[in-house]
Amino acid sequence: MTDYKMKPVEGTYHFDGEMATKGFSFNKMCYSFNSEENRQAFRDDAEAYMEKYKLTEEQKQAVRDHNINRMLELGGSIYYMAKFAGIFGWNMQVIGGMQSGRTTEEFQAYLESQGRGKNNG
């Protein structure tokens, strides 16, 4: 196991070299979503698109389930996953809700209560 200089935040996945290797195919697929043509190809046939990038069965299931936390656990980089999320019209507050076990509205209210929501700046 990696010897961290800083303790990882509880409940998160530390994205290091091992995780980057684990999630390489998934992150490569998400990077491809920079192109509208590729986003449309995914929408048209997600199974074939995932097969093209050789995702593992676990990664495919996480994509089918739209399970952001599982994608992170399987090596997904939050930066590349934002491209995946865009296909579904999700913004970072939707993802934040998913990651924290809250609805989007609950997560937005939480941000507001912490002085970090859209009405604070």
PDB file of N, CA and C in Angstrom:
ATOM      1  N   MET A   1       0.840  -1.181   0.000  1.00  0.00           N
ATOM      2  CA  MET A   1       0.000   0.000   0.000  1.00  0.00           C
ATOM      3  C   MET A   1       0.882   1.239   0.000  1.00  0.00           C
ATOM      4  N   THR A   2       0.388   2.282  -0.585  1.00  0.00           N
ATOM      5  CA  THR A   2       1.121   3.536  -0.671  1.00  0.00           C
ATOM      6  C   THR A   2       1.271   4.162   0.708  1.00  0.00           C
ATOM      7  N   ASP A   3       2.433   4.732   0.971  1.00  0.00           N
ATOM      8  CA  ASP A   3       2.672   5.451   2.213  1.00  0.00           C
ATOM      9  C   ASP A   3       2.345   6.920   1.954  1.00  0.00           C
ATOM     10  N   TYR A   4       1.196   7.375   2.400  1.00  0.00           N
ATOM     11  CA  TYR A   4       0.751   8.743   2.147  1.00  0.00           C
ATOM     12  C   TYR A   4       1.433   9.719   3.097  1.00  0.00           C
ATOM     13  N   LYS A   5       1.800  10.864   2.574  1.00  0.00           N
ATOM     14  CA  LYS A   5       2.324  11.924   3.425  1.00  0.00           C
ATOM     15  C   LYS A   5       1.171  12.585   4.173  1.00  0.00           C
ATOM     16  N   MET A   6       0.023  12.632   3.500  1.00  0.00           N
ATOM     17  CA  MET A   6      -1.175  13.177   4.126  1.00  0.00           C
ATOM     18  C   MET A   6      -2.195  12.058   4.214  1.00  0.00           C
ATOM     19  N   LYS A   7      -2.940  12.035   5.281  1.00  0.00           N
ATOM     20  CA  LYS A   7      -3.967  11.016   5.438  1.00  0.00           C
ATOM     21  C   LYS A   7      -5.111  11.314   4.465  1.00  0.00           C
ATOM     22  N   PRO A   8      -5.532  10.310   3.654  1.00  0.00           N
ATOM     23  CA  PRO A   8      -6.658  10.537   2.745  1.00  0.00           C
ATOM     24  C   PRO A   8      -7.918  10.910   3.522  1.00  0.00           C
ATOM     25  N   VAL A   9      -8.767  11.691   2.908  1.00  0.00           N
ATOM     26  CA  VAL A   9     -10.024  12.100   3.524  1.00  0.00           C
ATOM     27  C   VAL A   9     -10.917  10.870   3.645  1.00  0.00           C
ATOM     28  N   GLU A  10     -11.461  10.656   4.825  1.00  0.00           N
ATOM     29  CA  GLU A  10     -12.314   9.497   5.065  1.00  0.00           C
ATOM     30  C   GLU A  10     -13.481   9.471   4.078  1.00  0.00           C
ATOM     31  N   GLY A  11     -13.739   8.293   3.530  1.00  0.00           N
ATOM     32  CA  GLY A  11     -14.855   8.130   2.600  1.00  0.00           C
ATOM     33  C   GLY A  11     -14.526   8.482   1.163  1.00  0.00           C
ATOM     34  N   THR A  12     -13.263   8.825   0.893  1.00  0.00           N
ATOM     35  CA  THR A  12     -12.861   9.144  -0.478  1.00  0.00           C
ATOM     36  C   THR A  12     -11.856   8.108  -0.958  1.00  0.00           C
ATOM     37  N   TYR A  13     -11.590   8.136  -2.244  1.00  0.00           N
ATOM     38  CA  TYR A  13     -10.617   7.222  -2.840  1.00  0.00           C
ATOM     39  C   TYR A  13      -9.418   8.038  -3.290  1.00  0.00           C
ATOM     40  N   HIS A  14      -8.253   7.646  -2.806  1.00  0.00           N
ATOM     41  CA  HIS A  14      -7.023   8.354  -3.142  1.00  0.00           C
ATOM     42  C   HIS A  14      -6.622   7.970  -4.561  1.00  0.00           C
ATOM     43  N   PHE A  15      -6.584   8.940  -5.468  1.00  0.00           N
ATOM     44  CA  PHE A  15      -6.257   8.677  -6.869  1.00  0.00           C
ATOM     45  C   PHE A  15      -4.749   8.780  -7.038  1.00  0.00           C
ATOM     46  N   ASP A  16      -4.102   7.619  -6.992  1.00  0.00           N
ATOM     47  CA  ASP A  16      -2.652   7.554  -7.137  1.00  0.00           C
ATOM     48  C   ASP A  16      -2.319   6.746  -8.387  1.00  0.00           C
ATOM     49  N   GLY A  17      -1.069   6.384  -8.550  1.00  0.00           N
ATOM     50  CA  GLY A  17      -0.648   5.631  -9.727  1.00  0.00           C
ATOM     51  C   GLY A  17      -1.372   4.306  -9.878  1.00  0.00           C
ATOM     52  N   GLU A  18      -1.574   3.627  -8.766  1.00  0.00           N
ATOM     53  CA  GLU A  18      -2.283   2.342  -8.801  1.00  0.00           C
ATOM     54  C   GLU A  18      -3.724   2.526  -9.286  1.00  0.00           C
ATOM     55  N   MET A  19      -4.390   3.552  -8.770  1.00  0.00           N
ATOM     56  CA  MET A  19      -5.772   3.812  -9.194  1.00  0.00           C
ATOM     57  C   MET A  19      -5.819   4.274 -10.648  1.00  0.00           C
ATOM     58  N   ALA A  20      -4.835   5.057 -11.062  1.00  0.00           N
ATOM     59  CA  ALA A  20      -4.793   5.514 -12.455  1.00  0.00           C
ATOM     60  C   ALA A  20      -4.665   4.328 -13.402  1.00  0.00           C
ATOM     61  N   THR A  21      -3.851   3.363 -13.018  1.00  0.00           N
ATOM     62  CA  THR A  21      -3.700   2.153 -13.833  1.00  0.00           C
ATOM     63  C   THR A  21      -5.005   1.364 -13.851  1.00  0.00           C
ATOM     64  N   LYS A  22      -5.600   1.217 -12.692  1.00  0.00           N
ATOM     65  CA  LYS A  22      -6.852   0.472 -12.565  1.00  0.00           C
ATOM     66  C   LYS A  22      -7.957   1.091 -13.428  1.00  0.00           C
ATOM     67  N   GLY A  23      -8.018   2.412 -13.476  1.00  0.00           N
ATOM     68  CA  GLY A  23      -9.089   3.095 -14.187  1.00  0.00           C
ATOM     69  C   GLY A  23      -8.728   3.596 -15.570  1.00  0.00           C
ATOM     70  N   PHE A  24      -7.574   3.195 -16.093  1.00  0.00           N
ATOM     71  CA  PHE A  24      -7.091   3.756 -17.357  1.00  0.00           C
ATOM     72  C   PHE A  24      -8.124   3.674 -18.475  1.00  0.00           C
ATOM     73  N   SER A  25      -8.685   2.501 -18.712  1.00  0.00           N
ATOM     74  CA  SER A  25      -9.643   2.340 -19.813  1.00  0.00           C
ATOM     75  C   SER A  25     -10.886   3.196 -19.596  1.00  0.00           C
ATOM     76  N   PHE A  26     -11.369   3.217 -18.371  1.00  0.00           N
ATOM     77  CA  PHE A  26     -12.550   4.017 -18.050  1.00  0.00           C
ATOM     78  C   PHE A  26     -12.276   5.504 -18.274  1.00  0.00           C
ATOM     79  N   ASN A  27     -11.142   5.977 -17.779  1.00  0.00           N
ATOM     80  CA  ASN A  27     -10.806   7.387 -17.925  1.00  0.00           C
ATOM     81  C   ASN A  27     -10.551   7.754 -19.384  1.00  0.00           C
ATOM     82  N   LYS A  28      -9.960   6.830 -20.130  1.00  0.00           N
ATOM     83  CA  LYS A  28      -9.750   7.060 -21.562  1.00  0.00           C
ATOM     84  C   LYS A  28     -11.097   7.205 -22.272  1.00  0.00           C
ATOM     85  N   MET A  29     -12.057   6.355 -21.909  1.00  0.00           N
ATOM     86  CA  MET A  29     -13.388   6.465 -22.496  1.00  0.00           C
ATOM     87  C   MET A  29     -14.009   7.821 -22.160  1.00  0.00           C
ATOM     88  N   CYS A  30     -13.925   8.216 -20.904  1.00  0.00           N
ATOM     89  CA  CYS A  30     -14.514   9.496 -20.496  1.00  0.00           C
ATOM     90  C   CYS A  30     -13.835  10.665 -21.199  1.00  0.00           C
ATOM     91  N   TYR A  31     -12.526  10.585 -21.396  1.00  0.00           N
ATOM     92  CA  TYR A  31     -11.810  11.638 -22.122  1.00  0.00           C
ATOM     93  C   TYR A  31     -12.353  11.774 -23.539  1.00  0.00           C
ATOM     94  N   SER A  32     -12.743  10.651 -24.129  1.00  0.00           N
ATOM     95  CA  SER A  32     -13.260  10.687 -25.504  1.00  0.00           C
ATOM     96  C   SER A  32     -14.525  11.527 -25.617  1.00  0.00           C
ATOM     97  N   PHE A  33     -15.199  11.760 -24.487  1.00  0.00           N
ATOM     98  CA  PHE A  33     -16.437  12.532 -24.517  1.00  0.00           C
ATOM     99  C   PHE A  33     -16.202  14.020 -24.742  1.00  0.00           C
ATOM    100  N   ASN A  34     -14.954  14.426 -24.941  1.00  0.00           N
ATOM    101  CA  ASN A  34     -14.689  15.800 -25.374  1.00  0.00           C
ATOM    102  C   ASN A  34     -15.333  16.054 -26.728  1.00  0.00           C
ATOM    103  N   SER A  35     -15.530  14.993 -27.486  1.00  0.00           N
ATOM    104  CA  SER A  35     -16.104  15.091 -28.829  1.00  0.00           C
ATOM    105  C   SER A  35     -17.602  14.795 -28.789  1.00  0.00           C
ATOM    106  N   GLU A  36     -18.400  15.680 -29.368  1.00  0.00           N
ATOM    107  CA  GLU A  36     -19.849  15.455 -29.437  1.00  0.00           C
ATOM    108  C   GLU A  36     -20.157  14.172 -30.193  1.00  0.00           C
ATOM    109  N   GLU A  37     -19.376  13.889 -31.209  1.00  0.00           N
ATOM    110  CA  GLU A  37     -19.575  12.653 -31.980  1.00  0.00           C
ATOM    111  C   GLU A  37     -19.455  11.422 -31.075  1.00  0.00           C
ATOM    112  N   ASN A  38     -18.490  11.439 -30.183  1.00  0.00           N
ATOM    113  CA  ASN A  38     -18.305  10.319 -29.257  1.00  0.00           C
ATOM    114  C   ASN A  38     -19.394  10.276 -28.193  1.00  0.00           C
ATOM    115  N   ARG A  39     -19.834  11.429 -27.716  1.00  0.00           N
ATOM    116  CA  ARG A  39     -20.939  11.447 -26.752  1.00  0.00           C
ATOM    117  C   ARG A  39     -22.183  10.834 -27.384  1.00  0.00           C
ATOM    118  N   GLN A  40     -22.417  11.175 -28.650  1.00  0.00           N
ATOM    119  CA  GLN A  40     -23.585  10.630 -29.342  1.00  0.00           C
ATOM    120  C   GLN A  40     -23.436   9.129 -29.565  1.00  0.00           C
ATOM    121  N   ALA A  41     -22.244   8.684 -29.899  1.00  0.00           N
ATOM    122  CA  ALA A  41     -22.009   7.243 -30.085  1.00  0.00           C
ATOM    123  C   ALA A  41     -22.300   6.483 -28.791  1.00  0.00           C
ATOM    124  N   PHE A  42     -21.917   7.061 -27.653  1.00  0.00           N
ATOM    125  CA  PHE A  42     -22.206   6.439 -26.360  1.00  0.00           C
ATOM    126  C   PHE A  42     -23.709   6.402 -26.119  1.00  0.00           C
ATOM    127  N   ARG A  43     -24.388   7.515 -26.376  1.00  0.00           N
ATOM    128  CA  ARG A  43     -25.846   7.557 -26.188  1.00  0.00           C
ATOM    129  C   ARG A  43     -26.545   6.528 -27.075  1.00  0.00           C
ATOM    130  N   ASP A  44     -26.043   6.354 -28.291  1.00  0.00           N
ATOM    131  CA  ASP A  44     -26.661   5.437 -29.252  1.00  0.00           C
ATOM    132  C   ASP A  44     -26.497   3.977 -28.855  1.00  0.00           C
ATOM    133  N   ASP A  45     -25.349   3.614 -28.301  1.00  0.00           N
ATOM    134  CA  ASP A  45     -25.088   2.217 -27.927  1.00  0.00           C
ATOM    135  C   ASP A  45     -24.002   2.172 -26.859  1.00  0.00           C
ATOM    136  N   ALA A  46     -24.417   2.398 -25.623  1.00  0.00           N
ATOM    137  CA  ALA A  46     -23.463   2.459 -24.509  1.00  0.00           C
ATOM    138  C   ALA A  46     -22.689   1.152 -24.351  1.00  0.00           C
ATOM    139  N   GLU A  47     -23.352   0.033 -24.543  1.00  0.00           N
ATOM    140  CA  GLU A  47     -22.673  -1.258 -24.371  1.00  0.00           C
ATOM    141  C   GLU A  47     -21.527  -1.419 -25.367  1.00  0.00           C
ATOM    142  N   ALA A  48     -21.794  -1.116 -26.622  1.00  0.00           N
ATOM    143  CA  ALA A  48     -20.746  -1.229 -27.645  1.00  0.00           C
ATOM    144  C   ALA A  48     -19.625  -0.237 -27.368  1.00  0.00           C
ATOM    145  N   TYR A  49     -19.987   0.955 -26.891  1.00  0.00           N
ATOM    146  CA  TYR A  49     -18.978   1.972 -26.615  1.00  0.00           C
ATOM    147  C   TYR A  49     -18.075   1.531 -25.460  1.00  0.00           C
ATOM    148  N   MET A  50     -18.674   0.963 -24.424  1.00  0.00           N
ATOM    149  CA  MET A  50     -17.869   0.480 -23.293  1.00  0.00           C
ATOM    150  C   MET A  50     -16.979  -0.681 -23.726  1.00  0.00           C
ATOM    151  N   GLU A  51     -17.495  -1.524 -24.591  1.00  0.00           N
ATOM    152  CA  GLU A  51     -16.707  -2.655 -25.097  1.00  0.00           C
ATOM    153  C   GLU A  51     -15.517  -2.154 -25.915  1.00  0.00           C
ATOM    154  N   LYS A  52     -15.745  -1.117 -26.704  1.00  0.00           N
ATOM    155  CA  LYS A  52     -14.673  -0.524 -27.518  1.00  0.00           C
ATOM    156  C   LYS A  52     -13.485  -0.120 -26.646  1.00  0.00           C
ATOM    157  N   TYR A  53     -13.775   0.377 -25.443  1.00  0.00           N
ATOM    158  CA  TYR A  53     -12.722   0.824 -24.532  1.00  0.00           C
ATOM    159  C   TYR A  53     -12.299  -0.255 -23.532  1.00  0.00           C
ATOM    160  N   LYS A  54     -12.838  -1.448 -23.693  1.00  0.00           N
ATOM    161  CA  LYS A  54     -12.440  -2.611 -22.890  1.00  0.00           C
ATOM    162  C   LYS A  54     -12.623  -2.399 -21.384  1.00  0.00           C
ATOM    163  N   LEU A  55     -13.758  -1.809 -21.007  1.00  0.00           N
ATOM    164  CA  LEU A  55     -14.051  -1.658 -19.591  1.00  0.00           C
ATOM    165  C   LEU A  55     -14.262  -3.032 -18.974  1.00  0.00           C
ATOM    166  N   THR A  56     -13.905  -3.154 -17.701  1.00  0.00           N
ATOM    167  CA  THR A  56     -14.171  -4.400 -16.987  1.00  0.00           C
ATOM    168  C   THR A  56     -15.677  -4.511 -16.769  1.00  0.00           C
ATOM    169  N   GLU A  57     -16.131  -5.694 -16.432  1.00  0.00           N
ATOM    170  CA  GLU A  57     -17.564  -5.871 -16.166  1.00  0.00           C
ATOM    171  C   GLU A  57     -17.995  -5.008 -14.980  1.00  0.00           C
ATOM    172  N   GLU A  58     -17.145  -4.889 -13.961  1.00  0.00           N
ATOM    173  CA  GLU A  58     -17.471  -4.033 -12.810  1.00  0.00           C
ATOM    174  C   GLU A  58     -17.623  -2.574 -13.236  1.00  0.00           C
ATOM    175  N   GLN A  59     -16.723  -2.102 -14.092  1.00  0.00           N
ATOM    176  CA  GLN A  59     -16.807  -0.721 -14.569  1.00  0.00           C
ATOM    177  C   GLN A  59     -18.069  -0.520 -15.402  1.00  0.00           C
ATOM    178  N   LYS A  60     -18.363  -1.487 -16.270  1.00  0.00           N
ATOM    179  CA  LYS A  60     -19.582  -1.390 -17.085  1.00  0.00           C
ATOM    180  C   LYS A  60     -20.820  -1.292 -16.199  1.00  0.00           C
ATOM    181  N   GLN A  61     -20.862  -2.115 -15.153  1.00  0.00           N
ATOM    182  CA  GLN A  61     -22.031  -2.095 -14.276  1.00  0.00           C
ATOM    183  C   GLN A  61     -22.148  -0.761 -13.551  1.00  0.00           C
ATOM    184  N   ALA A  62     -21.041  -0.201 -13.127  1.00  0.00           N
ATOM    185  CA  ALA A  62     -21.072   1.111 -12.473  1.00  0.00           C
ATOM    186  C   ALA A  62     -21.605   2.175 -13.431  1.00  0.00           C
ATOM    187  N   VAL A  63     -21.216   2.092 -14.699  1.00  0.00           N
ATOM    188  CA  VAL A  63     -21.715   3.034 -15.707  1.00  0.00           C
ATOM    189  C   VAL A  63     -23.207   2.820 -15.913  1.00  0.00           C
ATOM    190  N   ARG A  64     -23.627   1.571 -16.062  1.00  0.00           N
ATOM    191  CA  ARG A  64     -25.062   1.271 -16.248  1.00  0.00           C
ATOM    192  C   ARG A  64     -25.889   1.808 -15.088  1.00  0.00           C
ATOM    193  N   ASP A  65     -25.332   1.682 -13.883  1.00  0.00           N
ATOM    194  CA  ASP A  65     -26.034   2.107 -12.669  1.00  0.00           C
ATOM    195  C   ASP A  65     -25.898   3.603 -12.392  1.00  0.00           C
ATOM    196  N   HIS A  66     -25.069   4.291 -13.184  1.00  0.00           N
ATOM    197  CA  HIS A  66     -24.759   5.711 -12.942  1.00  0.00           C
ATOM    198  C   HIS A  66     -24.250   5.903 -11.516  1.00  0.00           C
ATOM    199  N   ASN A  67     -23.413   4.976 -11.053  1.00  0.00           N
ATOM    200  CA  ASN A  67     -22.924   4.964  -9.685  1.00  0.00           C
ATOM    201  C   ASN A  67     -21.548   5.634  -9.615  1.00  0.00           C
ATOM    202  N   ILE A  68     -21.571   6.928  -9.364  1.00  0.00           N
ATOM    203  CA  ILE A  68     -20.349   7.732  -9.324  1.00  0.00           C
ATOM    204  C   ILE A  68     -19.363   7.198  -8.287  1.00  0.00           C
ATOM    205  N   ASN A  69     -19.838   6.869  -7.098  1.00  0.00           N
ATOM    206  CA  ASN A  69     -18.934   6.390  -6.052  1.00  0.00           C
ATOM    207  C   ASN A  69     -18.243   5.102  -6.466  1.00  0.00           C
ATOM    208  N   ARG A  70     -18.967   4.206  -7.096  1.00  0.00           N
ATOM    209  CA  ARG A  70     -18.362   2.949  -7.552  1.00  0.00           C
ATOM    210  C   ARG A  70     -17.346   3.221  -8.658  1.00  0.00           C
ATOM    211  N   MET A  71     -17.658   4.169  -9.547  1.00  0.00           N
ATOM    212  CA  MET A  71     -16.712   4.522 -10.609  1.00  0.00           C
ATOM    213  C   MET A  71     -15.398   5.027 -10.012  1.00  0.00           C
ATOM    214  N   LEU A  72     -15.498   5.846  -8.975  1.00  0.00           N
ATOM    215  CA  LEU A  72     -14.294   6.339  -8.301  1.00  0.00           C
ATOM    216  C   LEU A  72     -13.527   5.188  -7.664  1.00  0.00           C
ATOM    217  N   GLU A  73     -14.249   4.288  -7.025  1.00  0.00           N
ATOM    218  CA  GLU A  73     -13.626   3.133  -6.375  1.00  0.00           C
ATOM    219  C   GLU A  73     -12.887   2.256  -7.389  1.00  0.00           C
ATOM    220  N   LEU A  74     -13.395   2.224  -8.625  1.00  0.00           N
ATOM    221  CA  LEU A  74     -12.806   1.383  -9.671  1.00  0.00           C
ATOM    222  C   LEU A  74     -11.752   2.110 -10.496  1.00  0.00           C
ATOM    223  N   GLY A  75     -11.317   3.275 -10.020  1.00  0.00           N
ATOM    224  CA  GLY A  75     -10.217   3.973 -10.681  1.00  0.00           C
ATOM    225  C   GLY A  75     -10.610   5.174 -11.503  1.00  0.00           C
ATOM    226  N   GLY A  76     -11.870   5.560 -11.445  1.00  0.00           N
ATOM    227  CA  GLY A  76     -12.304   6.745 -12.185  1.00  0.00           C
ATOM    228  C   GLY A  76     -11.722   8.011 -11.587  1.00  0.00           C
ATOM    229  N   SER A  77     -11.283   8.899 -12.446  1.00  0.00           N
ATOM    230  CA  SER A  77     -10.801  10.214 -12.024  1.00  0.00           C
ATOM    231  C   SER A  77     -11.975  11.182 -12.067  1.00  0.00           C
ATOM    232  N   ILE A  78     -12.163  11.942 -11.017  1.00  0.00           N
ATOM    233  CA  ILE A  78     -13.285  12.883 -10.967  1.00  0.00           C
ATOM    234  C   ILE A  78     -13.226  13.861 -12.134  1.00  0.00           C
ATOM    235  N   TYR A  79     -12.038  14.187 -12.606  1.00  0.00           N
ATOM    236  CA  TYR A  79     -11.911  15.128 -13.717  1.00  0.00           C
ATOM    237  C   TYR A  79     -12.469  14.538 -15.005  1.00  0.00           C
ATOM    238  N   TYR A  80     -12.184  13.268 -15.254  1.00  0.00           N
ATOM    239  CA  TYR A  80     -12.717  12.619 -16.451  1.00  0.00           C
ATOM    240  C   TYR A  80     -14.181  12.263 -16.270  1.00  0.00           C
ATOM    241  N   MET A  81     -14.568  11.943 -15.053  1.00  0.00           N
ATOM    242  CA  MET A  81     -15.965  11.601 -14.809  1.00  0.00           C
ATOM    243  C   MET A  81     -16.883  12.793 -15.021  1.00  0.00           C
ATOM    244  N   ALA A  82     -16.365  13.995 -14.866  1.00  0.00           N
ATOM    245  CA  ALA A  82     -17.178  15.181 -15.142  1.00  0.00           C
ATOM    246  C   ALA A  82     -17.612  15.185 -16.607  1.00  0.00           C
ATOM    247  N   LYS A  83     -16.777  14.654 -17.479  1.00  0.00           N
ATOM    248  CA  LYS A  83     -17.135  14.552 -18.896  1.00  0.00           C
ATOM    249  C   LYS A  83     -18.251  13.530 -19.082  1.00  0.00           C
ATOM    250  N   PHE A  84     -18.169  12.430 -18.357  1.00  0.00           N
ATOM    251  CA  PHE A  84     -19.225  11.418 -18.377  1.00  0.00           C
ATOM    252  C   PHE A  84     -20.527  12.018 -17.849  1.00  0.00           C
ATOM    253  N   ALA A  85     -20.438  12.734 -16.752  1.00  0.00           N
ATOM    254  CA  ALA A  85     -21.624  13.318 -16.130  1.00  0.00           C
ATOM    255  C   ALA A  85     -22.335  14.291 -17.066  1.00  0.00           C
ATOM    256  N   GLY A  86     -21.566  14.996 -17.876  1.00  0.00           N
ATOM    257  CA  GLY A  86     -22.149  15.953 -18.806  1.00  0.00           C
ATOM    258  C   GLY A  86     -23.103  15.322 -19.801  1.00  0.00           C
ATOM    259  N   ILE A  87     -22.882  14.057 -20.128  1.00  0.00           N
ATOM    260  CA  ILE A  87     -23.779  13.354 -21.053  1.00  0.00           C
ATOM    261  C   ILE A  87     -25.198  13.319 -20.496  1.00  0.00           C
ATOM    262  N   PHE A  88     -25.306  13.246 -19.187  1.00  0.00           N
ATOM    263  CA  PHE A  88     -26.603  13.150 -18.529  1.00  0.00           C
ATOM    264  C   PHE A  88     -27.104  14.497 -18.009  1.00  0.00           C
ATOM    265  N   GLY A  89     -26.362  15.557 -18.294  1.00  0.00           N
ATOM    266  CA  GLY A  89     -26.760  16.885 -17.845  1.00  0.00           C
ATOM    267  C   GLY A  89     -26.502  17.126 -16.370  1.00  0.00           C
ATOM    268  N   TRP A  90     -25.627  16.320 -15.778  1.00  0.00           N
ATOM    269  CA  TRP A  90     -25.311  16.490 -14.365  1.00  0.00           C
ATOM    270  C   TRP A  90     -24.249  17.565 -14.200  1.00  0.00           C
ATOM    271  N   ASN A  91     -24.384  18.372 -13.149  1.00  0.00           N
ATOM    272  CA  ASN A  91     -23.329  19.315 -12.801  1.00  0.00           C
ATOM    273  C   ASN A  91     -22.632  18.815 -11.531  1.00  0.00           C
ATOM    274  N   MET A  92     -21.681  19.564 -11.050  1.00  0.00           N
ATOM    275  CA  MET A  92     -20.905  19.109  -9.891  1.00  0.00           C
ATOM    276  C   MET A  92     -21.751  19.033  -8.621  1.00  0.00           C
ATOM    277  N   GLN A  93     -22.841  19.789  -8.542  1.00  0.00           N
ATOM    278  CA  GLN A  93     -23.699  19.674  -7.367  1.00  0.00           C
ATOM    279  C   GLN A  93     -24.483  18.366  -7.383  1.00  0.00           C
ATOM    280  N   VAL A  94     -24.863  17.898  -8.564  1.00  0.00           N
ATOM    281  CA  VAL A  94     -25.511  16.585  -8.668  1.00  0.00           C
ATOM    282  C   VAL A  94     -24.526  15.508  -8.215  1.00  0.00           C
ATOM    283  N   ILE A  95     -23.294  15.597  -8.711  1.00  0.00           N
ATOM    284  CA  ILE A  95     -22.262  14.625  -8.336  1.00  0.00           C
ATOM    285  C   ILE A  95     -21.969  14.717  -6.839  1.00  0.00           C
ATOM    286  N   GLY A  96     -21.884  15.929  -6.303  1.00  0.00           N
ATOM    287  CA  GLY A  96     -21.648  16.103  -4.870  1.00  0.00           C
ATOM    288  C   GLY A  96     -22.735  15.445  -4.036  1.00  0.00           C
ATOM    289  N   GLY A  97     -23.970  15.575  -4.481  1.00  0.00           N
ATOM    290  CA  GLY A  97     -25.072  14.905  -3.793  1.00  0.00           C
ATOM    291  C   GLY A  97     -24.911  13.398  -3.824  1.00  0.00           C
ATOM    292  N   MET A  98     -24.566  12.875  -5.005  1.00  0.00           N
ATOM    293  CA  MET A  98     -24.366  11.424  -5.133  1.00  0.00           C
ATOM    294  C   MET A  98     -23.249  10.947  -4.213  1.00  0.00           C
ATOM    295  N   GLN A  99     -22.156  11.693  -4.183  1.00  0.00           N
ATOM    296  CA  GLN A  99     -21.004  11.289  -3.377  1.00  0.00           C
ATOM    297  C   GLN A  99     -21.290  11.364  -1.884  1.00  0.00           C
ATOM    298  N   SER A 100     -22.159  12.277  -1.485  1.00  0.00           N
ATOM    299  CA  SER A 100     -22.415  12.464  -0.060  1.00  0.00           C
ATOM    300  C   SER A 100     -23.680  11.761   0.416  1.00  0.00           C
ATOM    301  N   GLY A 101     -24.354  11.049  -0.492  1.00  0.00           N
ATOM    302  CA  GLY A 101     -25.573  10.343  -0.101  1.00  0.00           C
ATOM    303  C   GLY A 101     -26.759  11.266   0.101  1.00  0.00           C
ATOM    304  N   ARG A 102     -26.716  12.433  -0.535  1.00  0.00           N
ATOM    305  CA  ARG A 102     -27.807  13.402  -0.438  1.00  0.00           C
ATOM    306  C   ARG A 102     -28.460  13.569  -1.805  1.00  0.00           C
ATOM    307  N   THR A 103     -29.678  14.084  -1.801  1.00  0.00           N
ATOM    308  CA  THR A 103     -30.264  14.507  -3.065  1.00  0.00           C
ATOM    309  C   THR A 103     -29.530  15.770  -3.499  1.00  0.00           C
ATOM    310  N   THR A 104     -29.705  16.156  -4.738  1.00  0.00           N
ATOM    311  CA  THR A 104     -29.071  17.393  -5.215  1.00  0.00           C
ATOM    312  C   THR A 104     -29.540  18.577  -4.380  1.00  0.00           C
ATOM    313  N   GLU A 105     -30.838  18.612  -4.095  1.00  0.00           N
ATOM    314  CA  GLU A 105     -31.396  19.724  -3.314  1.00  0.00           C
ATOM    315  C   GLU A 105     -30.819  19.752  -1.900  1.00  0.00           C
ATOM    316  N   GLU A 106     -30.678  18.585  -1.287  1.00  0.00           N
ATOM    317  CA  GLU A 106     -30.084  18.516   0.050  1.00  0.00           C
ATOM    318  C   GLU A 106     -28.630  18.973   0.017  1.00  0.00           C
ATOM    319  N   PHE A 107     -27.906  18.578  -1.022  1.00  0.00           N
ATOM    320  CA  PHE A 107     -26.512  18.984  -1.136  1.00  0.00           C
ATOM    321  C   PHE A 107     -26.409  20.491  -1.346  1.00  0.00           C
ATOM    322  N   GLN A 108     -27.280  21.052  -2.167  1.00  0.00           N
ATOM    323  CA  GLN A 108     -27.283  22.499  -2.383  1.00  0.00           C
ATOM    324  C   GLN A 108     -27.594  23.235  -1.081  1.00  0.00           C
ATOM    325  N   ALA A 109     -28.553  22.725  -0.315  1.00  0.00           N
ATOM    326  CA  ALA A 109     -28.885  23.341   0.974  1.00  0.00           C
ATOM    327  C   ALA A 109     -27.695  23.253   1.929  1.00  0.00           C
ATOM    328  N   TYR A 110     -27.000  22.123   1.899  1.00  0.00           N
ATOM    329  CA  TYR A 110     -25.805  21.971   2.731  1.00  0.00           C
ATOM    330  C   TYR A 110     -24.760  23.018   2.354  1.00  0.00           C
ATOM    331  N   LEU A 111     -24.512  23.181   1.053  1.00  0.00           N
ATOM    332  CA  LEU A 111     -23.541  24.187   0.610  1.00  0.00           C
ATOM    333  C   LEU A 111     -23.945  25.575   1.091  1.00  0.00           C
ATOM    334  N   GLU A 112     -25.216  25.900   0.960  1.00  0.00           N
ATOM    335  CA  GLU A 112     -25.709  27.204   1.424  1.00  0.00           C
ATOM    336  C   GLU A 112     -25.475  27.367   2.924  1.00  0.00           C
ATOM    337  N   SER A 113     -25.728  26.297   3.686  1.00  0.00           N
ATOM    338  CA  SER A 113     -25.560  26.377   5.142  1.00  0.00           C
ATOM    339  C   SER A 113     -24.100  26.590   5.535  1.00  0.00           C
ATOM    340  N   GLN A 114     -23.189  26.225   4.639  1.00  0.00           N
ATOM    341  CA  GLN A 114     -21.761  26.390   4.886  1.00  0.00           C
ATOM    342  C   GLN A 114     -21.212  27.669   4.262  1.00  0.00           C
ATOM    343  N   GLY A 115     -22.103  28.473   3.678  1.00  0.00           N
ATOM    344  CA  GLY A 115     -21.674  29.711   3.036  1.00  0.00           C
ATOM    345  C   GLY A 115     -20.971  29.487   1.713  1.00  0.00           C
ATOM    346  N   ARG A 116     -21.252  28.355   1.041  1.00  0.00           N
ATOM    347  CA  ARG A 116     -20.556  28.040  -0.202  1.00  0.00           C
ATOM    348  C   ARG A 116     -21.495  27.840  -1.390  1.00  0.00           C
ATOM    349  N   GLY A 117     -22.758  28.053  -1.223  1.00  0.00           N
ATOM    350  CA  GLY A 117     -23.706  27.815  -2.313  1.00  0.00           C
ATOM    351  C   GLY A 117     -23.710  28.934  -3.333  1.00  0.00           C
ATOM    352  N   LYS A 118     -24.585  28.791  -4.326  1.00  0.00           N
ATOM    353  CA  LYS A 118     -24.639  29.764  -5.417  1.00  0.00           C
ATOM    354  C   LYS A 118     -25.041  31.155  -4.945  1.00  0.00           C
ATOM    355  N   ASN A 119     -25.691  31.248  -3.793  1.00  0.00           N
ATOM    356  CA  ASN A 119     -26.081  32.559  -3.270  1.00  0.00           C
ATOM    357  C   ASN A 119     -24.982  33.207  -2.430  1.00  0.00           C
ATOM    358  N   ASN A 120     -23.832  32.558  -2.360  1.00  0.00           N
ATOM    359  CA  ASN A 120     -22.736  33.067  -1.533  1.00  0.00           C
ATOM    360  C   ASN A 120     -21.486  33.385  -2.331  1.00  0.00           C
ATOM    361  N   GLY A 121     -21.656  33.629  -3.583  1.00  0.00           N
ATOM    362  CA  GLY A 121     -20.514  34.049  -4.207  1.00  0.00           C
ATOM    363  C   GLY A 121     -19.943  33.859  -5.454  1.00  0.00           C
TER     364      GLY A 121
END
